[in-house]
Every structure is written in C-alpha cells, then in structure tokens.
Amino acid sequence: MARLSRDTLLSVHLDAICSRNRYTKDPAPVIAELRAAAGHRTDLLTEAVGTWVGYFEDDYTRTLCTALRELPDLDPWIALGAHRRGMPAHSTPGATSSAPTAWPRDPRLV
C-alpha cells in the first residue's frame, strides 16, 4: 500500500490547522502553530497557506485570512486557490439526479 510523502502529510496538516481555526478572532496563535508545524519548510507553509486563503477566504474567514496574507510570497498560491475555487464541481458526464442509473435498481434496496 502506498504511503503519502512527508511533504504531502505536512501540507495536509497545515491545511487542517487553517480549517480547524477558520473562524478564529485571534489569529496570532494559529500563525504560531502553522510556523511551528512547518519548521524549516517555509516553502510548504507558503504553498499550503496561500492555496487555503485563495480557496476559503470569505466573510466568515476574513480575520484569519487577513492575518495569513501577511506571510511572505503568498500571491501566486492565493491565485491558485482562487482558481481552484472557481472551477466547476467534479462530476461524471451525464450524471444528474434525473439521469438514469447505469445499473438496474432493485426497489427493495432503495
């Protein structure tokens, strides 16, 4: 079974810190936690925080996002996160709630 790389695990952890604290009114401890978790991997900190801000920034997360924007070199990652947010949701072509299923339904199981 394949295991996620250390970089991927760290990125997931940094995203989780942001998400867990998204509604905070005091972002200073969150930023301290992010920096401590990232350690010397400021490249991953910048990528994770920037894409998170770009994707999740709204009125509810404004306090945290405004503070996170003070971190250096986030602009390209914020743009990527905003781009991803603007993409349509993933779906299977032709699959809608009114489309017939690809398999026969047993009414006893529905």
C-alpha atoms as a PDB file:
ATOM      1  CA  MET A   1       0.000   0.000   0.000  1.00  0.00           C
ATOM      2  CA  ALA A   2       1.398   3.389  -0.959  1.00  0.00           C
ATOM      3  CA  ARG A   3       2.018   5.899   1.782  1.00  0.00           C
ATOM      4  CA  LEU A   4       1.754   9.665   1.427  1.00  0.00           C
ATOM      5  CA  SER A   5       5.057  11.500   1.278  1.00  0.00           C
ATOM      6  CA  ARG A   6       6.272  13.584   4.225  1.00  0.00           C
ATOM      7  CA  ASP A   7       5.658  16.741   2.179  1.00  0.00           C
ATOM      8  CA  THR A   8       2.060  15.736   1.466  1.00  0.00           C
ATOM      9  CA  LEU A   9       1.428  14.822   5.102  1.00  0.00           C
ATOM     10  CA  LEU A  10       2.809  18.181   6.221  1.00  0.00           C
ATOM     11  CA  SER A  11       0.684  20.028   3.679  1.00  0.00           C
ATOM     12  CA  VAL A  12      -2.442  18.193   4.885  1.00  0.00           C
ATOM     13  CA  HIS A  13      -1.543  19.054   8.483  1.00  0.00           C
ATOM     14  CA  LEU A  14      -1.086  22.748   7.652  1.00  0.00           C
ATOM     15  CA  ASP A  15      -4.428  22.812   5.802  1.00  0.00           C
ATOM     16  CA  ALA A  16      -6.082  21.169   8.814  1.00  0.00           C
ATOM     17  CA  ILE A  17      -4.681  23.824  11.158  1.00  0.00           C
ATOM     18  CA  CYS A  18      -6.155  26.549   8.950  1.00  0.00           C
ATOM     19  CA  SER A  19      -9.512  24.801   8.628  1.00  0.00           C
ATOM     20  CA  ARG A  20      -9.800  23.988  12.314  1.00  0.00           C
ATOM     21  CA  ASN A  21      -9.205  27.655  13.161  1.00  0.00           C
ATOM     22  CA  ARG A  22     -11.059  29.273  10.265  1.00  0.00           C
ATOM     23  CA  TYR A  23     -13.465  31.250  12.485  1.00  0.00           C
ATOM     24  CA  THR A  24     -10.879  32.467  14.990  1.00  0.00           C
ATOM     25  CA  LYS A  25     -10.951  36.024  16.265  1.00  0.00           C
ATOM     26  CA  ASP A  26      -7.302  35.769  17.381  1.00  0.00           C
ATOM     27  CA  PRO A  27      -5.101  34.587  14.517  1.00  0.00           C
ATOM     28  CA  ALA A  28      -1.738  35.036  16.286  1.00  0.00           C
ATOM     29  CA  PRO A  29      -1.736  31.571  17.943  1.00  0.00           C
ATOM     30  CA  VAL A  30      -2.828  29.997  14.652  1.00  0.00           C
ATOM     31  CA  ILE A  31       0.080  31.574  12.790  1.00  0.00           C
ATOM     32  CA  ALA A  32       2.453  30.463  15.553  1.00  0.00           C
ATOM     33  CA  GLU A  33       1.099  26.900  15.284  1.00  0.00           C
ATOM     34  CA  LEU A  34       1.495  26.946  11.489  1.00  0.00           C
ATOM     35  CA  ARG A  35       5.097  28.153  11.745  1.00  0.00           C
ATOM     36  CA  ALA A  36       5.928  25.570  14.406  1.00  0.00           C
ATOM     37  CA  ALA A  37       4.365  22.759  12.374  1.00  0.00           C
ATOM     38  CA  ALA A  38       6.151  23.800   9.161  1.00  0.00           C
ATOM     39  CA  GLY A  39       9.542  24.194  10.827  1.00  0.00           C
ATOM     40  CA  HIS A  40      12.153  24.905   8.182  1.00  0.00           C
ATOM     41  CA  ARG A  41       9.710  24.032   5.341  1.00  0.00           C
ATOM     42  CA  THR A  42       8.629  27.586   4.624  1.00  0.00           C
ATOM     43  CA  ASP A  43       8.046  26.570   1.002  1.00  0.00           C
ATOM     44  CA  LEU A  44       5.275  24.179   2.068  1.00  0.00           C
ATOM     45  CA  LEU A  45       3.926  26.709   4.557  1.00  0.00           C
ATOM     46  CA  THR A  46       3.641  29.307   1.803  1.00  0.00           C
ATOM     47  CA  GLU A  47       2.012  26.895  -0.644  1.00  0.00           C
ATOM     48  CA  ALA A  48      -0.477  25.436   1.841  1.00  0.00           C
ATOM     49  CA  VAL A  49      -1.481  28.736   3.434  1.00  0.00           C
ATOM     50  CA  GLY A  50      -1.699  30.579   0.121  1.00  0.00           C
ATOM     51  CA  THR A  51      -3.911  27.999  -1.568  1.00  0.00           C
ATOM     52  CA  TRP A  52      -6.061  27.735   1.567  1.00  0.00           C
ATOM     53  CA  VAL A  53      -6.573  31.518   1.701  1.00  0.00           C
ATOM     54  CA  GLY A  54      -7.349  31.696  -2.015  1.00  0.00           C
ATOM     55  CA  TYR A  55      -9.876  28.891  -1.794  1.00  0.00           C
ATOM     56  CA  PHE A  56     -11.592  29.601   1.538  1.00  0.00           C
ATOM     57  CA  GLU A  57     -11.454  33.369   2.006  1.00  0.00           C
ATOM     58  CA  ASP A  58     -14.909  34.835   2.620  1.00  0.00           C
ATOM     59  CA  ASP A  59     -16.669  36.996   5.189  1.00  0.00           C
ATOM     60  CA  TYR A  60     -16.531  34.234   7.799  1.00  0.00           C
ATOM     61  CA  THR A  61     -12.796  33.552   7.471  1.00  0.00           C
ATOM     62  CA  ARG A  62     -11.757  37.172   6.908  1.00  0.00           C
ATOM     63  CA  THR A  63      -9.965  37.620  10.269  1.00  0.00           C
ATOM     64  CA  LEU A  64      -7.717  34.604   9.774  1.00  0.00           C
ATOM     65  CA  CYS A  65      -7.178  35.208   6.057  1.00  0.00           C
ATOM     66  CA  THR A  66      -6.224  38.862   6.577  1.00  0.00           C
ATOM     67  CA  ALA A  67      -3.585  37.821   9.112  1.00  0.00           C
ATOM     68  CA  LEU A  68      -2.321  34.958   6.936  1.00  0.00           C
ATOM     69  CA  ARG A  69      -1.910  37.349   3.975  1.00  0.00           C
ATOM     70  CA  GLU A  70       0.910  38.991   5.958  1.00  0.00           C
ATOM     71  CA  LEU A  71       3.084  35.917   5.370  1.00  0.00           C
ATOM     72  CA  PRO A  72       5.560  36.459   2.518  1.00  0.00           C
ATOM     73  CA  ASP A  73       5.238  35.237  -1.069  1.00  0.00           C
ATOM     74  CA  LEU A  74       1.630  34.031  -0.919  1.00  0.00           C
ATOM     75  CA  ASP A  75       0.294  35.833  -4.009  1.00  0.00           C
ATOM     76  CA  PRO A  76       0.815  33.088  -6.625  1.00  0.00           C
ATOM     77  CA  TRP A  77      -0.605  30.461  -4.262  1.00  0.00           C
ATOM     78  CA  ILE A  78      -3.599  32.639  -3.377  1.00  0.00           C
ATOM     79  CA  ALA A  79      -4.275  32.988  -7.095  1.00  0.00           C
ATOM     80  CA  LEU A  80      -4.110  29.194  -7.490  1.00  0.00           C
ATOM     81  CA  GLY A  81      -6.526  28.662  -4.599  1.00  0.00           C
ATOM     82  CA  ALA A  82      -8.969  31.201  -6.046  1.00  0.00           C
ATOM     83  CA  HIS A  83      -8.701  29.499  -9.435  1.00  0.00           C
ATOM     84  CA  ARG A  84      -9.486  26.118  -7.889  1.00  0.00           C
ATOM     85  CA  ARG A  85     -12.477  27.544  -6.050  1.00  0.00           C
ATOM     86  CA  GLY A  86     -13.856  28.863  -9.324  1.00  0.00           C
ATOM     87  CA  MET A  87     -13.658  25.502 -11.072  1.00  0.00           C
ATOM     88  CA  PRO A  88     -16.882  23.552 -11.549  1.00  0.00           C
ATOM     89  CA  ALA A  89     -17.544  20.649  -9.235  1.00  0.00           C
ATOM     90  CA  HIS A  90     -16.293  17.251 -10.369  1.00  0.00           C
ATOM     91  CA  SER A  91     -18.941  15.037 -11.877  1.00  0.00           C
ATOM     92  CA  THR A  92     -19.444  12.171 -14.245  1.00  0.00           C
ATOM     93  CA  PRO A  93     -20.551  13.311 -17.702  1.00  0.00           C
ATOM     94  CA  GLY A  94     -24.299  12.953 -17.994  1.00  0.00           C
ATOM     95  CA  ALA A  95     -24.767  12.104 -14.333  1.00  0.00           C
ATOM     96  CA  THR A  96     -27.560  14.209 -12.915  1.00  0.00           C
ATOM     97  CA  SER A  97     -30.262  13.487 -10.405  1.00  0.00           C
ATOM     98  CA  SER A  98     -32.697  12.913 -13.270  1.00  0.00           C
ATOM     99  CA  ALA A  99     -30.349  10.758 -15.359  1.00  0.00           C
ATOM    100  CA  PRO A 100     -30.992   7.030 -15.388  1.00  0.00           C
ATOM    101  CA  THR A 101     -28.568   4.920 -13.424  1.00  0.00           C
ATOM    102  CA  ALA A 102     -26.017   2.734 -15.133  1.00  0.00           C
ATOM    103  CA  TRP A 103     -27.256  -0.360 -13.284  1.00  0.00           C
ATOM    104  CA  PRO A 104     -30.693  -1.791 -12.639  1.00  0.00           C
ATOM    105  CA  ARG A 105     -32.149  -0.696  -9.335  1.00  0.00           C
ATOM    106  CA  ASP A 106     -33.764  -3.182  -7.055  1.00  0.00           C
ATOM    107  CA  PRO A 107     -36.694  -1.305  -5.452  1.00  0.00           C
ATOM    108  CA  ARG A 108     -36.312  -3.443  -2.334  1.00  0.00           C
ATOM    109  CA  LEU A 109     -32.855  -1.919  -1.734  1.00  0.00           C
ATOM    110  CA  VAL A 110     -33.700   1.747  -2.270  1.00  0.00           C
END
